[in-house]
Amino acid sequence: MSATKTQVSVTVSKDGPYVVSGSPPLTKQTIVANADGESLQRQEGKAYDTPARYALCRCGHSHKAPFCDGTHAQISLTAPKRQSARPILRRQPYSTVRPLPF
């Protein structure tokens, strides 16, 4: 028996969902924190049945979360522009940091 690997891809659609293909597993995970709010571990949750190709909600308003139900089109989702692909440490630092006016 030979193990064949399926090509998995995630495409970010313009102002829409993440389109996933290749049947990767999808499981809800919760970050468990201690009393100080520090992350300790991930707790496995529900495993979702997924087809070979599916769309994940990116707008946060889907009634079928984590899957897309098309709500992004009704709320006119405008996704942020793509960030630089350069490593964070190589980006120009912010020139000034102002304290919040509390």
Foldseek 3Di string as FASTA:
>chain_A
DDDDAFDWDWDDDALWWIKIARDDKDWDWDFDADPVRDTDDIDTDDTDDDDRIFTAGDPPPAPPPRGHPPVSVVVVGHDDDDDDPDPPVPDDDDPDDDDDDD
